[in-house]
Amino acid sequence: LRKQDRATAQYWRAVFYLLLALALAATMPLVVDLLNLATVAGFPVGFYVAAQGLLIVMAILAFRAATHLDALSSATASAQPREDH
């Protein structure tokens, strides 16, 4: 892919993830209210799912960003000419 095509693809990927995050943020309160009707060990299930789900999502995003940046830096390093001293 050309440099401009890659930049455009990254832009639309970022827009997709932004819209996905907004959709989840908008629908999560509706689902949590339904889950709060049940309790486990004295805690509402919706509270537990929201708290643990947030941690899991943040961990996945951190690993995904690290992998993406690693691949990006490898591609950038291989595209640059090496200078042997």
PDB file of N, CA and C in Angstrom:
ATOM      1  N   LEU A   1       0.827  -1.191   0.000  1.00  0.00           N
ATOM      2  CA  LEU A   1       0.000   0.000   0.000  1.00  0.00           C
ATOM      3  C   LEU A   1       0.867   1.249   0.000  1.00  0.00           C
ATOM      4  N   ARG A   2       0.340   2.266  -0.608  1.00  0.00           N
ATOM      5  CA  ARG A   2       1.049   3.528  -0.587  1.00  0.00           C
ATOM      6  C   ARG A   2       0.904   4.170   0.782  1.00  0.00           C
ATOM      7  N   LYS A   3       1.768   5.143   1.034  1.00  0.00           N
ATOM      8  CA  LYS A   3       1.770   5.818   2.334  1.00  0.00           C
ATOM      9  C   LYS A   3       0.429   6.510   2.603  1.00  0.00           C
ATOM     10  N   GLN A   4      -0.137   7.147   1.587  1.00  0.00           N
ATOM     11  CA  GLN A   4      -1.410   7.852   1.752  1.00  0.00           C
ATOM     12  C   GLN A   4      -2.549   6.854   1.996  1.00  0.00           C
ATOM     13  N   ASP A   5      -2.523   5.717   1.294  1.00  0.00           N
ATOM     14  CA  ASP A   5      -3.557   4.698   1.505  1.00  0.00           C
ATOM     15  C   ASP A   5      -3.487   4.140   2.914  1.00  0.00           C
ATOM     16  N   ARG A   6      -2.273   3.923   3.407  1.00  0.00           N
ATOM     17  CA  ARG A   6      -2.096   3.422   4.773  1.00  0.00           C
ATOM     18  C   ARG A   6      -2.628   4.428   5.794  1.00  0.00           C
ATOM     19  N   ALA A   7      -2.349   5.703   5.566  1.00  0.00           N
ATOM     20  CA  ALA A   7      -2.827   6.747   6.477  1.00  0.00           C
ATOM     21  C   ALA A   7      -4.348   6.818   6.464  1.00  0.00           C
ATOM     22  N   THR A   8      -4.951   6.692   5.293  1.00  0.00           N
ATOM     23  CA  THR A   8      -6.408   6.711   5.187  1.00  0.00           C
ATOM     24  C   THR A   8      -7.019   5.499   5.891  1.00  0.00           C
ATOM     25  N   ALA A   9      -6.411   4.332   5.714  1.00  0.00           N
ATOM     26  CA  ALA A   9      -6.910   3.118   6.374  1.00  0.00           C
ATOM     27  C   ALA A   9      -6.807   3.254   7.888  1.00  0.00           C
ATOM     28  N   GLN A  10      -5.710   3.814   8.382  1.00  0.00           N
ATOM     29  CA  GLN A  10      -5.559   4.015   9.826  1.00  0.00           C
ATOM     30  C   GLN A  10      -6.585   5.008  10.350  1.00  0.00           C
ATOM     31  N   TYR A  11      -6.867   6.049   9.568  1.00  0.00           N
ATOM     32  CA  TYR A  11      -7.866   7.039   9.971  1.00  0.00           C
ATOM     33  C   TYR A  11      -9.233   6.378  10.125  1.00  0.00           C
ATOM     34  N   TRP A  12      -9.650   5.595   9.116  1.00  0.00           N
ATOM     35  CA  TRP A  12     -10.971   4.973   9.181  1.00  0.00           C
ATOM     36  C   TRP A  12     -11.032   3.903  10.273  1.00  0.00           C
ATOM     37  N   ARG A  13      -9.915   3.236  10.531  1.00  0.00           N
ATOM     38  CA  ARG A  13      -9.882   2.264  11.631  1.00  0.00           C
ATOM     39  C   ARG A  13     -10.076   2.983  12.963  1.00  0.00           C
ATOM     40  N   ALA A  14      -9.441   4.128  13.120  1.00  0.00           N
ATOM     41  CA  ALA A  14      -9.592   4.908  14.350  1.00  0.00           C
ATOM     42  C   ALA A  14     -11.029   5.412  14.502  1.00  0.00           C
ATOM     43  N   VAL A  15     -11.634   5.851  13.401  1.00  0.00           N
ATOM     44  CA  VAL A  15     -13.024   6.299  13.440  1.00  0.00           C
ATOM     45  C   VAL A  15     -13.944   5.146  13.819  1.00  0.00           C
ATOM     46  N   PHE A  16     -13.684   3.954  13.272  1.00  0.00           N
ATOM     47  CA  PHE A  16     -14.489   2.778  13.603  1.00  0.00           C
ATOM     48  C   PHE A  16     -14.425   2.472  15.093  1.00  0.00           C
ATOM     49  N   TYR A  17     -13.212   2.462  15.662  1.00  0.00           N
ATOM     50  CA  TYR A  17     -13.072   2.159  17.082  1.00  0.00           C
ATOM     51  C   TYR A  17     -13.699   3.246  17.962  1.00  0.00           C
ATOM     52  N   LEU A  18     -13.646   4.491  17.513  1.00  0.00           N
ATOM     53  CA  LEU A  18     -14.294   5.570  18.248  1.00  0.00           C
ATOM     54  C   LEU A  18     -15.807   5.383  18.258  1.00  0.00           C
ATOM     55  N   LEU A  19     -16.379   5.068  17.110  1.00  0.00           N
ATOM     56  CA  LEU A  19     -17.827   4.845  17.034  1.00  0.00           C
ATOM     57  C   LEU A  19     -18.238   3.608  17.824  1.00  0.00           C
ATOM     58  N   LEU A  20     -17.408   2.573  17.810  1.00  0.00           N
ATOM     59  CA  LEU A  20     -17.693   1.379  18.598  1.00  0.00           C
ATOM     60  C   LEU A  20     -17.688   1.694  20.087  1.00  0.00           C
ATOM     61  N   ALA A  21     -16.714   2.473  20.534  1.00  0.00           N
ATOM     62  CA  ALA A  21     -16.643   2.860  21.946  1.00  0.00           C
ATOM     63  C   ALA A  21     -17.849   3.709  22.345  1.00  0.00           C
ATOM     64  N   LEU A  22     -18.257   4.623  21.476  1.00  0.00           N
ATOM     65  CA  LEU A  22     -19.433   5.453  21.765  1.00  0.00           C
ATOM     66  C   LEU A  22     -20.709   4.611  21.820  1.00  0.00           C
ATOM     67  N   ALA A  23     -20.832   3.643  20.916  1.00  0.00           N
ATOM     68  CA  ALA A  23     -22.009   2.778  20.928  1.00  0.00           C
ATOM     69  C   ALA A  23     -22.053   1.944  22.205  1.00  0.00           C
ATOM     70  N   LEU A  24     -20.910   1.414  22.610  1.00  0.00           N
ATOM     71  CA  LEU A  24     -20.866   0.640  23.851  1.00  0.00           C
ATOM     72  C   LEU A  24     -21.171   1.512  25.062  1.00  0.00           C
ATOM     73  N   ALA A  25     -20.644   2.722  25.060  1.00  0.00           N
ATOM     74  CA  ALA A  25     -20.898   3.625  26.181  1.00  0.00           C
ATOM     75  C   ALA A  25     -22.375   4.006  26.264  1.00  0.00           C
ATOM     76  N   ALA A  26     -23.042   4.080  25.120  1.00  0.00           N
ATOM     77  CA  ALA A  26     -24.454   4.446  25.111  1.00  0.00           C
ATOM     78  C   ALA A  26     -25.354   3.280  25.512  1.00  0.00           C
ATOM     79  N   THR A  27     -24.975   2.062  25.146  1.00  0.00           N
ATOM     80  CA  THR A  27     -25.837   0.906  25.430  1.00  0.00           C
ATOM     81  C   THR A  27     -25.516   0.214  26.746  1.00  0.00           C
ATOM     82  N   MET A  28     -24.334   0.400  27.281  1.00  0.00           N
ATOM     83  CA  MET A  28     -23.949  -0.285  28.517  1.00  0.00           C
ATOM     84  C   MET A  28     -24.875   0.039  29.688  1.00  0.00           C
ATOM     85  N   PRO A  29     -25.288   1.288  29.913  1.00  0.00           N
ATOM     86  CA  PRO A  29     -26.197   1.549  31.039  1.00  0.00           C
ATOM     87  C   PRO A  29     -27.517   0.788  30.940  1.00  0.00           C
ATOM     88  N   LEU A  30     -28.011   0.575  29.733  1.00  0.00           N
ATOM     89  CA  LEU A  30     -29.254  -0.185  29.571  1.00  0.00           C
ATOM     90  C   LEU A  30     -29.067  -1.642  29.981  1.00  0.00           C
ATOM     91  N   VAL A  31     -27.950  -2.229  29.590  1.00  0.00           N
ATOM     92  CA  VAL A  31     -27.671  -3.625  29.913  1.00  0.00           C
ATOM     93  C   VAL A  31     -27.368  -3.784  31.399  1.00  0.00           C
ATOM     94  N   VAL A  32     -26.630  -2.844  31.965  1.00  0.00           N
ATOM     95  CA  VAL A  32     -26.268  -2.927  33.378  1.00  0.00           C
ATOM     96  C   VAL A  32     -27.510  -2.853  34.256  1.00  0.00           C
ATOM     97  N   ASP A  33     -28.471  -2.013  33.910  1.00  0.00           N
ATOM     98  CA  ASP A  33     -29.707  -1.929  34.690  1.00  0.00           C
ATOM     99  C   ASP A  33     -30.441  -3.267  34.712  1.00  0.00           C
ATOM    100  N   LEU A  34     -30.444  -3.963  33.581  1.00  0.00           N
ATOM    101  CA  LEU A  34     -31.071  -5.282  33.537  1.00  0.00           C
ATOM    102  C   LEU A  34     -30.307  -6.289  34.388  1.00  0.00           C
ATOM    103  N   LEU A  35     -28.979  -6.225  34.332  1.00  0.00           N
ATOM    104  CA  LEU A  35     -28.166  -7.166  35.094  1.00  0.00           C
ATOM    105  C   LEU A  35     -28.204  -6.882  36.598  1.00  0.00           C
ATOM    106  N   ASN A  36     -28.484  -5.656  36.968  1.00  0.00           N
ATOM    107  CA  ASN A  36     -28.538  -5.306  38.391  1.00  0.00           C
ATOM    108  C   ASN A  36     -29.727  -5.939  39.112  1.00  0.00           C
ATOM    109  N   LEU A  37     -30.650  -6.505  38.375  1.00  0.00           N
ATOM    110  CA  LEU A  37     -31.785  -7.178  39.001  1.00  0.00           C
ATOM    111  C   LEU A  37     -31.347  -8.445  39.746  1.00  0.00           C
ATOM    112  N   ALA A  38     -30.239  -9.031  39.349  1.00  0.00           N
ATOM    113  CA  ALA A  38     -29.706 -10.225  40.018  1.00  0.00           C
ATOM    114  C   ALA A  38     -28.497  -9.839  40.859  1.00  0.00           C
ATOM    115  N   THR A  39     -28.265 -10.575  41.939  1.00  0.00           N
ATOM    116  CA  THR A  39     -27.094 -10.320  42.781  1.00  0.00           C
ATOM    117  C   THR A  39     -26.309 -11.613  42.964  1.00  0.00           C
ATOM    118  N   VAL A  40     -25.001 -11.452  43.094  1.00  0.00           N
ATOM    119  CA  VAL A  40     -24.103 -12.574  43.379  1.00  0.00           C
ATOM    120  C   VAL A  40     -23.209 -12.130  44.518  1.00  0.00           C
ATOM    121  N   ALA A  41     -23.223 -12.865  45.604  1.00  0.00           N
ATOM    122  CA  ALA A  41     -22.416 -12.565  46.791  1.00  0.00           C
ATOM    123  C   ALA A  41     -22.717 -11.157  47.313  1.00  0.00           C
ATOM    124  N   GLY A  42     -23.940 -10.722  47.173  1.00  0.00           N
ATOM    125  CA  GLY A  42     -24.348  -9.426  47.688  1.00  0.00           C
ATOM    126  C   GLY A  42     -24.083  -8.259  46.762  1.00  0.00           C
ATOM    127  N   PHE A  43     -23.407  -8.504  45.645  1.00  0.00           N
ATOM    128  CA  PHE A  43     -23.134  -7.444  44.679  1.00  0.00           C
ATOM    129  C   PHE A  43     -24.064  -7.589  43.490  1.00  0.00           C
ATOM    130  N   PRO A  44     -24.558  -6.475  42.962  1.00  0.00           N
ATOM    131  CA  PRO A  44     -25.357  -6.564  41.741  1.00  0.00           C
ATOM    132  C   PRO A  44     -24.491  -7.055  40.582  1.00  0.00           C
ATOM    133  N   VAL A  45     -25.030  -7.932  39.777  1.00  0.00           N
ATOM    134  CA  VAL A  45     -24.271  -8.506  38.669  1.00  0.00           C
ATOM    135  C   VAL A  45     -23.835  -7.416  37.692  1.00  0.00           C
ATOM    136  N   GLY A  46     -24.676  -6.420  37.455  1.00  0.00           N
ATOM    137  CA  GLY A  46     -24.315  -5.335  36.544  1.00  0.00           C
ATOM    138  C   GLY A  46     -23.102  -4.561  37.010  1.00  0.00           C
ATOM    139  N   PHE A  47     -23.004  -4.314  38.315  1.00  0.00           N
ATOM    140  CA  PHE A  47     -21.841  -3.623  38.864  1.00  0.00           C
ATOM    141  C   PHE A  47     -20.574  -4.440  38.631  1.00  0.00           C
ATOM    142  N   TYR A  48     -20.658  -5.734  38.908  1.00  0.00           N
ATOM    143  CA  TYR A  48     -19.497  -6.610  38.741  1.00  0.00           C
ATOM    144  C   TYR A  48     -19.061  -6.674  37.276  1.00  0.00           C
ATOM    145  N   VAL A  49     -20.034  -6.866  36.376  1.00  0.00           N
ATOM    146  CA  VAL A  49     -19.716  -6.967  34.945  1.00  0.00           C
ATOM    147  C   VAL A  49     -19.112  -5.660  34.444  1.00  0.00           C
ATOM    148  N   ALA A  50     -19.657  -4.534  34.862  1.00  0.00           N
ATOM    149  CA  ALA A  50     -19.133  -3.247  34.414  1.00  0.00           C
ATOM    150  C   ALA A  50     -17.716  -3.019  34.935  1.00  0.00           C
ATOM    151  N   ALA A  51     -17.471  -3.329  36.206  1.00  0.00           N
ATOM    152  CA  ALA A  51     -16.143  -3.101  36.782  1.00  0.00           C
ATOM    153  C   ALA A  51     -15.103  -4.025  36.161  1.00  0.00           C
ATOM    154  N   GLN A  52     -15.405  -5.314  36.076  1.00  0.00           N
ATOM    155  CA  GLN A  52     -14.445  -6.265  35.518  1.00  0.00           C
ATOM    156  C   GLN A  52     -14.324  -6.101  34.013  1.00  0.00           C
ATOM    157  N   GLY A  53     -15.426  -5.804  33.361  1.00  0.00           N
ATOM    158  CA  GLY A  53     -15.394  -5.609  31.913  1.00  0.00           C
ATOM    159  C   GLY A  53     -14.534  -4.426  31.520  1.00  0.00           C
ATOM    160  N   LEU A  54     -14.595  -3.367  32.306  1.00  0.00           N
ATOM    161  CA  LEU A  54     -13.768  -2.199  32.021  1.00  0.00           C
ATOM    162  C   LEU A  54     -12.291  -2.551  32.117  1.00  0.00           C
ATOM    163  N   LEU A  55     -11.914  -3.296  33.136  1.00  0.00           N
ATOM    164  CA  LEU A  55     -10.516  -3.700  33.278  1.00  0.00           C
ATOM    165  C   LEU A  55     -10.063  -4.583  32.125  1.00  0.00           C
ATOM    166  N   ILE A  56     -10.913  -5.512  31.719  1.00  0.00           N
ATOM    167  CA  ILE A  56     -10.568  -6.407  30.615  1.00  0.00           C
ATOM    168  C   ILE A  56     -10.431  -5.628  29.309  1.00  0.00           C
ATOM    169  N   VAL A  57     -11.353  -4.721  29.056  1.00  0.00           N
ATOM    170  CA  VAL A  57     -11.300  -3.930  27.822  1.00  0.00           C
ATOM    171  C   VAL A  57     -10.054  -3.052  27.802  1.00  0.00           C
ATOM    172  N   MET A  58      -9.713  -2.441  28.919  1.00  0.00           N
ATOM    173  CA  MET A  58      -8.506  -1.607  28.968  1.00  0.00           C
ATOM    174  C   MET A  58      -7.250  -2.438  28.732  1.00  0.00           C
ATOM    175  N   ALA A  59      -7.186  -3.636  29.278  1.00  0.00           N
ATOM    176  CA  ALA A  59      -6.031  -4.506  29.055  1.00  0.00           C
ATOM    177  C   ALA A  59      -5.931  -4.907  27.586  1.00  0.00           C
ATOM    178  N   ILE A  60      -7.060  -5.250  26.981  1.00  0.00           N
ATOM    179  CA  ILE A  60      -7.054  -5.624  25.561  1.00  0.00           C
ATOM    180  C   ILE A  60      -6.608  -4.445  24.703  1.00  0.00           C
ATOM    181  N   LEU A  61      -7.125  -3.263  24.995  1.00  0.00           N
ATOM    182  CA  LEU A  61      -6.725  -2.073  24.226  1.00  0.00           C
ATOM    183  C   LEU A  61      -5.243  -1.759  24.393  1.00  0.00           C
ATOM    184  N   ALA A  62      -4.719  -1.934  25.600  1.00  0.00           N
ATOM    185  CA  ALA A  62      -3.300  -1.668  25.831  1.00  0.00           C
ATOM    186  C   ALA A  62      -2.424  -2.645  25.042  1.00  0.00           C
ATOM    187  N   PHE A  63      -2.757  -3.936  25.071  1.00  0.00           N
ATOM    188  CA  PHE A  63      -1.982  -4.915  24.321  1.00  0.00           C
ATOM    189  C   PHE A  63      -2.119  -4.713  22.820  1.00  0.00           C
ATOM    190  N   ARG A  64      -3.313  -4.358  22.376  1.00  0.00           N
ATOM    191  CA  ARG A  64      -3.516  -4.110  20.944  1.00  0.00           C
ATOM    192  C   ARG A  64      -2.724  -2.894  20.478  1.00  0.00           C
ATOM    193  N   ALA A  65      -2.722  -1.832  21.276  1.00  0.00           N
ATOM    194  CA  ALA A  65      -1.963  -0.637  20.920  1.00  0.00           C
ATOM    195  C   ALA A  65      -0.468  -0.934  20.905  1.00  0.00           C
ATOM    196  N   ALA A  66       0.009  -1.703  21.872  1.00  0.00           N
ATOM    197  CA  ALA A  66       1.425  -2.052  21.918  1.00  0.00           C
ATOM    198  C   ALA A  66       1.821  -2.885  20.705  1.00  0.00           C
ATOM    199  N   THR A  67       0.983  -3.835  20.336  1.00  0.00           N
ATOM    200  CA  THR A  67       1.265  -4.666  19.166  1.00  0.00           C
ATOM    201  C   THR A  67       1.260  -3.832  17.898  1.00  0.00           C
ATOM    202  N   HIS A  68       0.282  -2.941  17.781  1.00  0.00           N
ATOM    203  CA  HIS A  68       0.192  -2.089  16.600  1.00  0.00           C
ATOM    204  C   HIS A  68       1.402  -1.166  16.497  1.00  0.00           C
ATOM    205  N   LEU A  69       1.786  -0.555  17.603  1.00  0.00           N
ATOM    206  CA  LEU A  69       2.939   0.340  17.576  1.00  0.00           C
ATOM    207  C   LEU A  69       4.227  -0.419  17.309  1.00  0.00           C
ATOM    208  N   ASP A  70       4.327  -1.643  17.795  1.00  0.00           N
ATOM    209  CA  ASP A  70       5.501  -2.477  17.534  1.00  0.00           C
ATOM    210  C   ASP A  70       5.615  -2.780  16.042  1.00  0.00           C
ATOM    211  N   ALA A  71       4.492  -3.150  15.434  1.00  0.00           N
ATOM    212  CA  ALA A  71       4.486  -3.427  13.999  1.00  0.00           C
ATOM    213  C   ALA A  71       4.788  -2.167  13.199  1.00  0.00           C
ATOM    214  N   LEU A  72       4.261  -1.050  13.642  1.00  0.00           N
ATOM    215  CA  LEU A  72       4.499   0.212  12.954  1.00  0.00           C
ATOM    216  C   LEU A  72       5.964   0.616  13.021  1.00  0.00           C
ATOM    217  N   SER A  73       6.576   0.452  14.184  1.00  0.00           N
ATOM    218  CA  SER A  73       7.987   0.809  14.307  1.00  0.00           C
ATOM    219  C   SER A  73       8.869  -0.160  13.522  1.00  0.00           C
ATOM    220  N   SER A  74       8.488  -1.433  13.432  1.00  0.00           N
ATOM    221  CA  SER A  74       9.240  -2.392  12.627  1.00  0.00           C
ATOM    222  C   SER A  74       9.152  -2.037  11.155  1.00  0.00           C
ATOM    223  N   ALA A  75       7.957  -1.666  10.700  1.00  0.00           N
ATOM    224  CA  ALA A  75       7.775  -1.286   9.301  1.00  0.00           C
ATOM    225  C   ALA A  75       8.544  -0.013   8.983  1.00  0.00           C
ATOM    226  N   THR A  76       8.553   0.923   9.911  1.00  0.00           N
ATOM    227  CA  THR A  76       9.289   2.175   9.700  1.00  0.00           C
ATOM    228  C   THR A  76      10.793   1.919   9.681  1.00  0.00           C
ATOM    229  N   ALA A  77      11.253   1.050  10.567  1.00  0.00           N
ATOM    230  CA  ALA A  77      12.686   0.750  10.635  1.00  0.00           C
ATOM    231  C   ALA A  77      13.149   0.018   9.390  1.00  0.00           C
ATOM    232  N   SER A  78      12.320  -0.873   8.837  1.00  0.00           N
ATOM    233  CA  SER A  78      12.721  -1.611   7.655  1.00  0.00           C
ATOM    234  C   SER A  78      12.656  -0.746   6.393  1.00  0.00           C
ATOM    235  N   ALA A  79      11.831   0.308   6.419  1.00  0.00           N
ATOM    236  CA  ALA A  79      11.702   1.197   5.263  1.00  0.00           C
ATOM    237  C   ALA A  79      12.851   2.191   5.176  1.00  0.00           C
ATOM    238  N   GLN A  80      13.519   2.445   6.295  1.00  0.00           N
ATOM    239  CA  GLN A  80      14.617   3.401   6.289  1.00  0.00           C
ATOM    240  C   GLN A  80      15.911   2.715   5.894  1.00  0.00           C
ATOM    241  N   PRO A  81      16.738   3.390   5.096  1.00  0.00           N
ATOM    242  CA  PRO A  81      18.019   2.784   4.719  1.00  0.00           C
ATOM    243  C   PRO A  81      18.949   2.696   5.931  1.00  0.00           C
ATOM    244  N   ARG A  82      19.680   1.594   5.994  1.00  0.00           N
ATOM    245  CA  ARG A  82      20.611   1.400   7.107  1.00  0.00           C
ATOM    246  C   ARG A  82      21.908   2.130   6.820  1.00  0.00           C
ATOM    247  N   GLU A  83      22.459   2.679   7.864  1.00  0.00           N
ATOM    248  CA  GLU A  83      23.759   3.345   7.746  1.00  0.00           C
ATOM    249  C   GLU A  83      24.752   2.559   8.589  1.00  0.00           C
ATOM    250  N   ASP A  84      25.650   1.868   7.921  1.00  0.00           N
ATOM    251  CA  ASP A  84      26.685   1.127   8.641  1.00  0.00           C
ATOM    252  C   ASP A  84      27.896   2.025   8.807  1.00  0.00           C
ATOM    253  N   HIS A  85      28.333   2.164  10.047  1.00  0.00           N
ATOM    254  CA  HIS A  85      29.477   3.037  10.335  1.00  0.00           C
ATOM    255  C   HIS A  85      30.735   2.228  10.411  1.00  0.00           C
TER     256      HIS A  85
END
